[in-house]
Amino acid sequence: MATDFPPYPPCATYPCRTRECCGLFKYKTEWPNLVGMAAEQAKAIIVKDNPIVAVVLVHKDEGVVDNFCCNRVWLFVDDKNHVSQVPMVG
């Protein structure tokens, strides 16, 4: 298995197809505790917990690409720039 993924973009997944694998079984891959937190604070926590991902902010009414990437976390934020959904690798 790979020991690292290249910076996002481009999307990296090989050889993984699950979040746990994407975390290389040593990094966090989901952050339910960040819902409601300010986006910049949440982003810092995610990067600290999982240094192989890029955090991409997604504001209300913005779309995302529907693909699975081990090296990316969509960070959905509301009108007040607070996390509105559980951030997760993928």
PDB file of N, CA and C in Angstrom:
ATOM      1  N   MET A   1       0.838  -1.179   0.000  1.00  0.00           N
ATOM      2  CA  MET A   1       0.000   0.000   0.000  1.00  0.00           C
ATOM      3  C   MET A   1       0.883   1.242   0.000  1.00  0.00           C
ATOM      4  N   ALA A   2       0.386   2.290  -0.583  1.00  0.00           N
ATOM      5  CA  ALA A   2       1.118   3.553  -0.621  1.00  0.00           C
ATOM      6  C   ALA A   2       1.304   4.081   0.794  1.00  0.00           C
ATOM      7  N   THR A   3       2.381   4.794   1.016  1.00  0.00           N
ATOM      8  CA  THR A   3       2.609   5.391   2.327  1.00  0.00           C
ATOM      9  C   THR A   3       2.249   6.862   2.336  1.00  0.00           C
ATOM     10  N   ASP A   4       1.939   7.395   1.184  1.00  0.00           N
ATOM     11  CA  ASP A   4       1.568   8.804   1.071  1.00  0.00           C
ATOM     12  C   ASP A   4       0.810   9.009  -0.226  1.00  0.00           C
ATOM     13  N   PHE A   5       0.060  10.097  -0.287  1.00  0.00           N
ATOM     14  CA  PHE A   5      -0.644  10.466  -1.501  1.00  0.00           C
ATOM     15  C   PHE A   5      -0.099  11.802  -1.968  1.00  0.00           C
ATOM     16  N   PRO A   6      -0.141  12.078  -3.257  1.00  0.00           N
ATOM     17  CA  PRO A   6       0.329  13.382  -3.747  1.00  0.00           C
ATOM     18  C   PRO A   6      -0.627  14.475  -3.291  1.00  0.00           C
ATOM     19  N   PRO A   7      -0.189  15.714  -3.280  1.00  0.00           N
ATOM     20  CA  PRO A   7      -1.076  16.814  -2.899  1.00  0.00           C
ATOM     21  C   PRO A   7      -2.278  16.884  -3.843  1.00  0.00           C
ATOM     22  N   TYR A   8      -3.408  17.300  -3.300  1.00  0.00           N
ATOM     23  CA  TYR A   8      -4.620  17.467  -4.110  1.00  0.00           C
ATOM     24  C   TYR A   8      -4.640  18.859  -4.683  1.00  0.00           C
ATOM     25  N   PRO A   9      -5.080  19.075  -5.932  1.00  0.00           N
ATOM     26  CA  PRO A   9      -5.331  18.085  -6.963  1.00  0.00           C
ATOM     27  C   PRO A   9      -4.046  17.583  -7.591  1.00  0.00           C
ATOM     28  N   PRO A  10      -4.038  16.516  -8.291  1.00  0.00           N
ATOM     29  CA  PRO A  10      -5.174  15.708  -8.704  1.00  0.00           C
ATOM     30  C   PRO A  10      -5.650  14.777  -7.597  1.00  0.00           C
ATOM     31  N   CYS A  11      -6.790  14.189  -7.855  1.00  0.00           N
ATOM     32  CA  CYS A  11      -7.396  13.236  -6.932  1.00  0.00           C
ATOM     33  C   CYS A  11      -6.535  11.982  -6.862  1.00  0.00           C
ATOM     34  N   ALA A  12      -6.328  11.480  -5.652  1.00  0.00           N
ATOM     35  CA  ALA A  12      -5.568  10.243  -5.466  1.00  0.00           C
ATOM     36  C   ALA A  12      -6.416   9.245  -4.678  1.00  0.00           C
ATOM     37  N   THR A  13      -6.456   8.016  -5.139  1.00  0.00           N
ATOM     38  CA  THR A  13      -7.165   6.971  -4.411  1.00  0.00           C
ATOM     39  C   THR A  13      -6.410   5.653  -4.378  1.00  0.00           C
ATOM     40  N   TYR A  14      -5.679   5.345  -5.422  1.00  0.00           N
ATOM     41  CA  TYR A  14      -5.072   4.026  -5.514  1.00  0.00           C
ATOM     42  C   TYR A  14      -4.135   3.761  -4.349  1.00  0.00           C
ATOM     43  N   PRO A  15      -4.201   2.657  -3.689  1.00  0.00           N
ATOM     44  CA  PRO A  15      -5.034   1.473  -3.922  1.00  0.00           C
ATOM     45  C   PRO A  15      -6.292   1.446  -3.065  1.00  0.00           C
ATOM     46  N   CYS A  16      -6.723   2.563  -2.514  1.00  0.00           N
ATOM     47  CA  CYS A  16      -7.813   2.591  -1.536  1.00  0.00           C
ATOM     48  C   CYS A  16      -9.184   2.829  -2.151  1.00  0.00           C
ATOM     49  N   ARG A  17     -10.180   2.281  -1.475  1.00  0.00           N
ATOM     50  CA  ARG A  17     -11.576   2.517  -1.849  1.00  0.00           C
ATOM     51  C   ARG A  17     -12.436   2.805  -0.617  1.00  0.00           C
ATOM     52  N   THR A  18     -11.804   2.890   0.559  1.00  0.00           N
ATOM     53  CA  THR A  18     -12.535   3.195   1.796  1.00  0.00           C
ATOM     54  C   THR A  18     -11.836   4.338   2.525  1.00  0.00           C
ATOM     55  N   ARG A  19     -12.578   5.045   3.377  1.00  0.00           N
ATOM     56  CA  ARG A  19     -11.991   6.134   4.154  1.00  0.00           C
ATOM     57  C   ARG A  19     -10.877   5.630   5.070  1.00  0.00           C
ATOM     58  N   GLU A  20     -11.108   4.489   5.700  1.00  0.00           N
ATOM     59  CA  GLU A  20     -10.107   3.952   6.623  1.00  0.00           C
ATOM     60  C   GLU A  20      -8.790   3.703   5.906  1.00  0.00           C
ATOM     61  N   CYS A  21      -8.863   3.137   4.732  1.00  0.00           N
ATOM     62  CA  CYS A  21      -7.661   2.900   3.942  1.00  0.00           C
ATOM     63  C   CYS A  21      -7.014   4.229   3.565  1.00  0.00           C
ATOM     64  N   CYS A  22      -7.839   5.206   3.214  1.00  0.00           N
ATOM     65  CA  CYS A  22      -7.310   6.520   2.840  1.00  0.00           C
ATOM     66  C   CYS A  22      -6.517   7.156   3.981  1.00  0.00           C
ATOM     67  N   GLY A  23      -6.913   6.880   5.195  1.00  0.00           N
ATOM     68  CA  GLY A  23      -6.188   7.400   6.342  1.00  0.00           C
ATOM     69  C   GLY A  23      -4.940   6.606   6.649  1.00  0.00           C
ATOM     70  N   LEU A  24      -4.651   5.654   5.751  1.00  0.00           N
ATOM     71  CA  LEU A  24      -3.478   4.780   5.903  1.00  0.00           C
ATOM     72  C   LEU A  24      -3.475   4.096   7.265  1.00  0.00           C
ATOM     73  N   PHE A  25      -4.678   3.942   7.828  1.00  0.00           N
ATOM     74  CA  PHE A  25      -4.894   3.285   9.111  1.00  0.00           C
ATOM     75  C   PHE A  25      -4.133   3.958  10.255  1.00  0.00           C
ATOM     76  N   LYS A  26      -3.779   5.243  10.068  1.00  0.00           N
ATOM     77  CA  LYS A  26      -3.116   5.977  11.148  1.00  0.00           C
ATOM     78  C   LYS A  26      -3.605   7.412  11.282  1.00  0.00           C
ATOM     79  N   TYR A  27      -4.329   7.940  10.287  1.00  0.00           N
ATOM     80  CA  TYR A  27      -4.840   9.307  10.346  1.00  0.00           C
ATOM     81  C   TYR A  27      -6.362   9.298  10.423  1.00  0.00           C
ATOM     82  N   LYS A  28      -6.918  10.326  11.064  1.00  0.00           N
ATOM     83  CA  LYS A  28      -8.371  10.467  11.119  1.00  0.00           C
ATOM     84  C   LYS A  28      -8.923  10.682   9.713  1.00  0.00           C
ATOM     85  N   THR A  29     -10.159  10.236   9.519  1.00  0.00           N
ATOM     86  CA  THR A  29     -10.806  10.404   8.217  1.00  0.00           C
ATOM     87  C   THR A  29     -12.196  11.033   8.326  1.00  0.00           C
ATOM     88  N   GLU A  30     -12.713  11.231   9.535  1.00  0.00           N
ATOM     89  CA  GLU A  30     -14.004  11.883   9.753  1.00  0.00           C
ATOM     90  C   GLU A  30     -13.919  12.744  11.000  1.00  0.00           C
ATOM     91  N   TRP A  31     -14.649  13.871  10.978  1.00  0.00           N
ATOM     92  CA  TRP A  31     -14.604  14.830  12.082  1.00  0.00           C
ATOM     93  C   TRP A  31     -16.006  15.306  12.459  1.00  0.00           C
ATOM     94  N   PRO A  32     -16.838  14.456  13.067  1.00  0.00           N
ATOM     95  CA  PRO A  32     -18.194  14.879  13.437  1.00  0.00           C
ATOM     96  C   PRO A  32     -18.205  15.993  14.485  1.00  0.00           C
ATOM     97  N   ASN A  33     -17.163  16.079  15.279  1.00  0.00           N
ATOM     98  CA  ASN A  33     -17.088  17.092  16.331  1.00  0.00           C
ATOM     99  C   ASN A  33     -16.879  18.507  15.805  1.00  0.00           C
ATOM    100  N   LEU A  34     -16.610  18.670  14.517  1.00  0.00           N
ATOM    101  CA  LEU A  34     -16.331  19.994  13.961  1.00  0.00           C
ATOM    102  C   LEU A  34     -17.580  20.712  13.452  1.00  0.00           C
ATOM    103  N   VAL A  35     -18.713  20.029  13.391  1.00  0.00           N
ATOM    104  CA  VAL A  35     -19.939  20.670  12.913  1.00  0.00           C
ATOM    105  C   VAL A  35     -20.279  21.846  13.835  1.00  0.00           C
ATOM    106  N   GLY A  36     -20.495  23.008  13.231  1.00  0.00           N
ATOM    107  CA  GLY A  36     -20.799  24.229  13.979  1.00  0.00           C
ATOM    108  C   GLY A  36     -19.582  25.097  14.262  1.00  0.00           C
ATOM    109  N   MET A  37     -18.391  24.567  14.066  1.00  0.00           N
ATOM    110  CA  MET A  37     -17.149  25.294  14.333  1.00  0.00           C
ATOM    111  C   MET A  37     -16.823  26.245  13.182  1.00  0.00           C
ATOM    112  N   ALA A  38     -16.097  27.306  13.475  1.00  0.00           N
ATOM    113  CA  ALA A  38     -15.638  28.233  12.437  1.00  0.00           C
ATOM    114  C   ALA A  38     -14.764  27.477  11.437  1.00  0.00           C
ATOM    115  N   ALA A  39     -14.929  27.794  10.157  1.00  0.00           N
ATOM    116  CA  ALA A  39     -14.272  27.052   9.083  1.00  0.00           C
ATOM    117  C   ALA A  39     -12.754  27.020   9.214  1.00  0.00           C
ATOM    118  N   GLU A  40     -12.116  28.140   9.466  1.00  0.00           N
ATOM    119  CA  GLU A  40     -10.650  28.179   9.541  1.00  0.00           C
ATOM    120  C   GLU A  40     -10.123  27.349  10.706  1.00  0.00           C
ATOM    121  N   GLN A  41     -10.817  27.377  11.827  1.00  0.00           N
ATOM    122  CA  GLN A  41     -10.417  26.567  12.979  1.00  0.00           C
ATOM    123  C   GLN A  41     -10.570  25.077  12.646  1.00  0.00           C
ATOM    124  N   ALA A  42     -11.694  24.724  12.012  1.00  0.00           N
ATOM    125  CA  ALA A  42     -11.925  23.334  11.619  1.00  0.00           C
ATOM    126  C   ALA A  42     -10.873  22.862  10.625  1.00  0.00           C
ATOM    127  N   LYS A  43     -10.557  23.706   9.662  1.00  0.00           N
ATOM    128  CA  LYS A  43      -9.549  23.353   8.656  1.00  0.00           C
ATOM    129  C   LYS A  43      -8.204  23.059   9.322  1.00  0.00           C
ATOM    130  N   ALA A  44      -7.816  23.873  10.281  1.00  0.00           N
ATOM    131  CA  ALA A  44      -6.542  23.665  10.982  1.00  0.00           C
ATOM    132  C   ALA A  44      -6.531  22.332  11.724  1.00  0.00           C
ATOM    133  N   ILE A  45      -7.640  21.977  12.328  1.00  0.00           N
ATOM    134  CA  ILE A  45      -7.731  20.708  13.058  1.00  0.00           C
ATOM    135  C   ILE A  45      -7.621  19.531  12.091  1.00  0.00           C
ATOM    136  N   ILE A  46      -8.324  19.621  10.967  1.00  0.00           N
ATOM    137  CA  ILE A  46      -8.285  18.528   9.989  1.00  0.00           C
ATOM    138  C   ILE A  46      -6.863  18.308   9.471  1.00  0.00           C
ATOM    139  N   VAL A  47      -6.196  19.389   9.106  1.00  0.00           N
ATOM    140  CA  VAL A  47      -4.831  19.278   8.571  1.00  0.00           C
ATOM    141  C   VAL A  47      -3.871  18.722   9.628  1.00  0.00           C
ATOM    142  N   LYS A  48      -4.076  19.107  10.882  1.00  0.00           N
ATOM    143  CA  LYS A  48      -3.229  18.586  11.963  1.00  0.00           C
ATOM    144  C   LYS A  48      -3.469  17.083  12.157  1.00  0.00           C
ATOM    145  N   ASP A  49      -4.751  16.684  12.113  1.00  0.00           N
ATOM    146  CA  ASP A  49      -5.108  15.281  12.318  1.00  0.00           C
ATOM    147  C   ASP A  49      -4.745  14.386  11.140  1.00  0.00           C
ATOM    148  N   ASN A  50      -4.725  14.977   9.930  1.00  0.00           N
ATOM    149  CA  ASN A  50      -4.463  14.181   8.733  1.00  0.00           C
ATOM    150  C   ASN A  50      -3.669  15.024   7.731  1.00  0.00           C
ATOM    151  N   PRO A  51      -2.352  14.992   7.824  1.00  0.00           N
ATOM    152  CA  PRO A  51      -1.510  15.849   6.979  1.00  0.00           C
ATOM    153  C   PRO A  51      -1.453  15.454   5.502  1.00  0.00           C
ATOM    154  N   ILE A  52      -2.089  14.354   5.111  1.00  0.00           N
ATOM    155  CA  ILE A  52      -2.040  13.947   3.705  1.00  0.00           C
ATOM    156  C   ILE A  52      -3.251  14.428   2.907  1.00  0.00           C
ATOM    157  N   VAL A  53      -4.127  15.237   3.545  1.00  0.00           N
ATOM    158  CA  VAL A  53      -5.299  15.738   2.821  1.00  0.00           C
ATOM    159  C   VAL A  53      -5.219  17.242   2.607  1.00  0.00           C
ATOM    160  N   ALA A  54      -5.916  17.688   1.568  1.00  0.00           N
ATOM    161  CA  ALA A  54      -6.156  19.102   1.333  1.00  0.00           C
ATOM    162  C   ALA A  54      -7.607  19.364   1.719  1.00  0.00           C
ATOM    163  N   VAL A  55      -7.851  20.464   2.407  1.00  0.00           N
ATOM    164  CA  VAL A  55      -9.202  20.829   2.819  1.00  0.00           C
ATOM    165  C   VAL A  55      -9.716  21.881   1.844  1.00  0.00           C
ATOM    166  N   VAL A  56     -10.867  21.591   1.244  1.00  0.00           N
ATOM    167  CA  VAL A  56     -11.455  22.487   0.252  1.00  0.00           C
ATOM    168  C   VAL A  56     -12.770  23.022   0.801  1.00  0.00           C
ATOM    169  N   LEU A  57     -12.830  24.344   1.044  1.00  0.00           N
ATOM    170  CA  LEU A  57     -14.055  24.959   1.546  1.00  0.00           C
ATOM    171  C   LEU A  57     -15.110  24.999   0.451  1.00  0.00           C
ATOM    172  N   VAL A  58     -16.332  24.646   0.832  1.00  0.00           N
ATOM    173  CA  VAL A  58     -17.472  24.668  -0.082  1.00  0.00           C
ATOM    174  C   VAL A  58     -18.561  25.499   0.587  1.00  0.00           C
ATOM    175  N   HIS A  59     -18.864  26.648  -0.009  1.00  0.00           N
ATOM    176  CA  HIS A  59     -19.873  27.538   0.549  1.00  0.00           C
ATOM    177  C   HIS A  59     -21.268  27.130   0.081  1.00  0.00           C
ATOM    178  N   LYS A  60     -22.259  27.592   0.813  1.00  0.00           N
ATOM    179  CA  LYS A  60     -23.657  27.296   0.501  1.00  0.00           C
ATOM    180  C   LYS A  60     -23.923  27.566  -0.977  1.00  0.00           C
ATOM    181  N   ASP A  61     -24.634  26.669  -1.615  1.00  0.00           N
ATOM    182  CA  ASP A  61     -25.030  26.751  -3.025  1.00  0.00           C
ATOM    183  C   ASP A  61     -23.889  26.484  -4.011  1.00  0.00           C
ATOM    184  N   GLU A  62     -22.706  26.102  -3.530  1.00  0.00           N
ATOM    185  CA  GLU A  62     -21.625  25.694  -4.423  1.00  0.00           C
ATOM    186  C   GLU A  62     -21.684  24.177  -4.584  1.00  0.00           C
ATOM    187  N   GLY A  63     -21.354  23.711  -5.763  1.00  0.00           N
ATOM    188  CA  GLY A  63     -21.339  22.281  -6.024  1.00  0.00           C
ATOM    189  C   GLY A  63     -19.952  21.695  -5.850  1.00  0.00           C
ATOM    190  N   VAL A  64     -19.892  20.385  -5.831  1.00  0.00           N
ATOM    191  CA  VAL A  64     -18.617  19.673  -5.739  1.00  0.00           C
ATOM    192  C   VAL A  64     -18.570  18.580  -6.797  1.00  0.00           C
ATOM    193  N   VAL A  65     -17.398  18.125  -7.091  1.00  0.00           N
ATOM    194  CA  VAL A  65     -17.206  17.010  -8.008  1.00  0.00           C
ATOM    195  C   VAL A  65     -17.561  15.726  -7.259  1.00  0.00           C
ATOM    196  N   ASP A  66     -18.310  14.876  -7.896  1.00  0.00           N
ATOM    197  CA  ASP A  66     -18.758  13.645  -7.253  1.00  0.00           C
ATOM    198  C   ASP A  66     -17.779  12.508  -7.546  1.00  0.00           C
ATOM    199  N   ASN A  67     -16.621  12.592  -6.914  1.00  0.00           N
ATOM    200  CA  ASN A  67     -15.649  11.511  -7.019  1.00  0.00           C
ATOM    201  C   ASN A  67     -15.029  11.279  -5.648  1.00  0.00           C
ATOM    202  N   PHE A  68     -14.385  10.163  -5.466  1.00  0.00           N
ATOM    203  CA  PHE A  68     -13.799   9.779  -4.182  1.00  0.00           C
ATOM    204  C   PHE A  68     -12.300  10.004  -4.231  1.00  0.00           C
ATOM    205  N   CYS A  69     -11.786  10.839  -3.332  1.00  0.00           N
ATOM    206  CA  CYS A  69     -10.352  11.154  -3.296  1.00  0.00           C
ATOM    207  C   CYS A  69      -9.817  10.940  -1.885  1.00  0.00           C
ATOM    208  N   CYS A  70      -8.737  10.207  -1.776  1.00  0.00           N
ATOM    209  CA  CYS A  70      -8.106   9.982  -0.473  1.00  0.00           C
ATOM    210  C   CYS A  70      -7.387  11.218   0.056  1.00  0.00           C
ATOM    211  N   ASN A  71      -7.070  12.137  -0.818  1.00  0.00           N
ATOM    212  CA  ASN A  71      -6.260  13.287  -0.416  1.00  0.00           C
ATOM    213  C   ASN A  71      -7.068  14.584  -0.380  1.00  0.00           C
ATOM    214  N   ARG A  72      -8.405  14.462  -0.149  1.00  0.00           N
ATOM    215  CA  ARG A  72      -9.246  15.661  -0.121  1.00  0.00           C
ATOM    216  C   ARG A  72     -10.339  15.518   0.927  1.00  0.00           C
ATOM    217  N   VAL A  73     -10.661  16.653   1.559  1.00  0.00           N
ATOM    218  CA  VAL A  73     -11.821  16.753   2.447  1.00  0.00           C
ATOM    219  C   VAL A  73     -12.621  17.963   1.997  1.00  0.00           C
ATOM    220  N   TRP A  74     -13.898  17.750   1.637  1.00  0.00           N
ATOM    221  CA  TRP A  74     -14.784  18.883   1.373  1.00  0.00           C
ATOM    222  C   TRP A  74     -15.207  19.437   2.724  1.00  0.00           C
ATOM    223  N   LEU A  75     -15.090  20.738   2.920  1.00  0.00           N
ATOM    224  CA  LEU A  75     -15.515  21.375   4.164  1.00  0.00           C
ATOM    225  C   LEU A  75     -16.695  22.283   3.828  1.00  0.00           C
ATOM    226  N   PHE A  76     -17.909  21.767   4.057  1.00  0.00           N
ATOM    227  CA  PHE A  76     -19.134  22.504   3.744  1.00  0.00           C
ATOM    228  C   PHE A  76     -19.408  23.515   4.849  1.00  0.00           C
ATOM    229  N   VAL A  77     -19.619  24.777   4.438  1.00  0.00           N
ATOM    230  CA  VAL A  77     -19.843  25.843   5.417  1.00  0.00           C
ATOM    231  C   VAL A  77     -21.148  26.582   5.113  1.00  0.00           C
ATOM    232  N   ASP A  78     -21.727  27.162   6.161  1.00  0.00           N
ATOM    233  CA  ASP A  78     -22.978  27.899   6.030  1.00  0.00           C
ATOM    234  C   ASP A  78     -22.714  29.385   5.785  1.00  0.00           C
ATOM    235  N   ASP A  79     -23.763  30.189   5.844  1.00  0.00           N
ATOM    236  CA  ASP A  79     -23.643  31.626   5.589  1.00  0.00           C
ATOM    237  C   ASP A  79     -22.748  32.350   6.596  1.00  0.00           C
ATOM    238  N   LYS A  80     -22.596  31.770   7.781  1.00  0.00           N
ATOM    239  CA  LYS A  80     -21.754  32.379   8.820  1.00  0.00           C
ATOM    240  C   LYS A  80     -20.342  31.810   8.811  1.00  0.00           C
ATOM    241  N   ASN A  81     -20.022  31.006   7.791  1.00  0.00           N
ATOM    242  CA  ASN A  81     -18.710  30.384   7.638  1.00  0.00           C
ATOM    243  C   ASN A  81     -18.402  29.382   8.755  1.00  0.00           C
ATOM    244  N   HIS A  82     -19.454  28.664   9.170  1.00  0.00           N
ATOM    245  CA  HIS A  82     -19.302  27.587  10.136  1.00  0.00           C
ATOM    246  C   HIS A  82     -19.577  26.268   9.441  1.00  0.00           C
ATOM    247  N   VAL A  83     -18.929  25.227   9.900  1.00  0.00           N
ATOM    248  CA  VAL A  83     -19.063  23.890   9.320  1.00  0.00           C
ATOM    249  C   VAL A  83     -20.507  23.425   9.431  1.00  0.00           C
ATOM    250  N   SER A  84     -21.089  23.007   8.298  1.00  0.00           N
ATOM    251  CA  SER A  84     -22.508  22.631   8.291  1.00  0.00           C
ATOM    252  C   SER A  84     -22.742  21.126   8.103  1.00  0.00           C
ATOM    253  N   GLN A  85     -21.720  20.377   7.711  1.00  0.00           N
ATOM    254  CA  GLN A  85     -21.827  18.923   7.558  1.00  0.00           C
ATOM    255  C   GLN A  85     -20.562  18.270   8.114  1.00  0.00           C
ATOM    256  N   VAL A  86     -20.687  17.001   8.448  1.00  0.00           N
ATOM    257  CA  VAL A  86     -19.525  16.278   8.973  1.00  0.00           C
ATOM    258  C   VAL A  86     -18.446  16.217   7.893  1.00  0.00           C
ATOM    259  N   PRO A  87     -17.269  16.790   8.166  1.00  0.00           N
ATOM    260  CA  PRO A  87     -16.167  16.688   7.199  1.00  0.00           C
ATOM    261  C   PRO A  87     -15.616  15.259   7.197  1.00  0.00           C
ATOM    262  N   MET A  88     -15.309  14.764   5.993  1.00  0.00           N
ATOM    263  CA  MET A  88     -14.737  13.422   5.876  1.00  0.00           C
ATOM    264  C   MET A  88     -13.898  13.314   4.615  1.00  0.00           C
ATOM    265  N   VAL A  89     -12.917  12.443   4.700  1.00  0.00           N
ATOM    266  CA  VAL A  89     -12.076  12.178   3.535  1.00  0.00           C
ATOM    267  C   VAL A  89     -12.952  11.573   2.447  1.00  0.00           C
ATOM    268  N   GLY A  90     -12.671  11.921   1.235  1.00  0.00           N
ATOM    269  CA  GLY A  90     -13.415  11.360   0.122  1.00  0.00           C
ATOM    270  C   GLY A  90     -13.720  12.392  -0.881  1.00  0.00           C
TER     271      GLY A  90
END
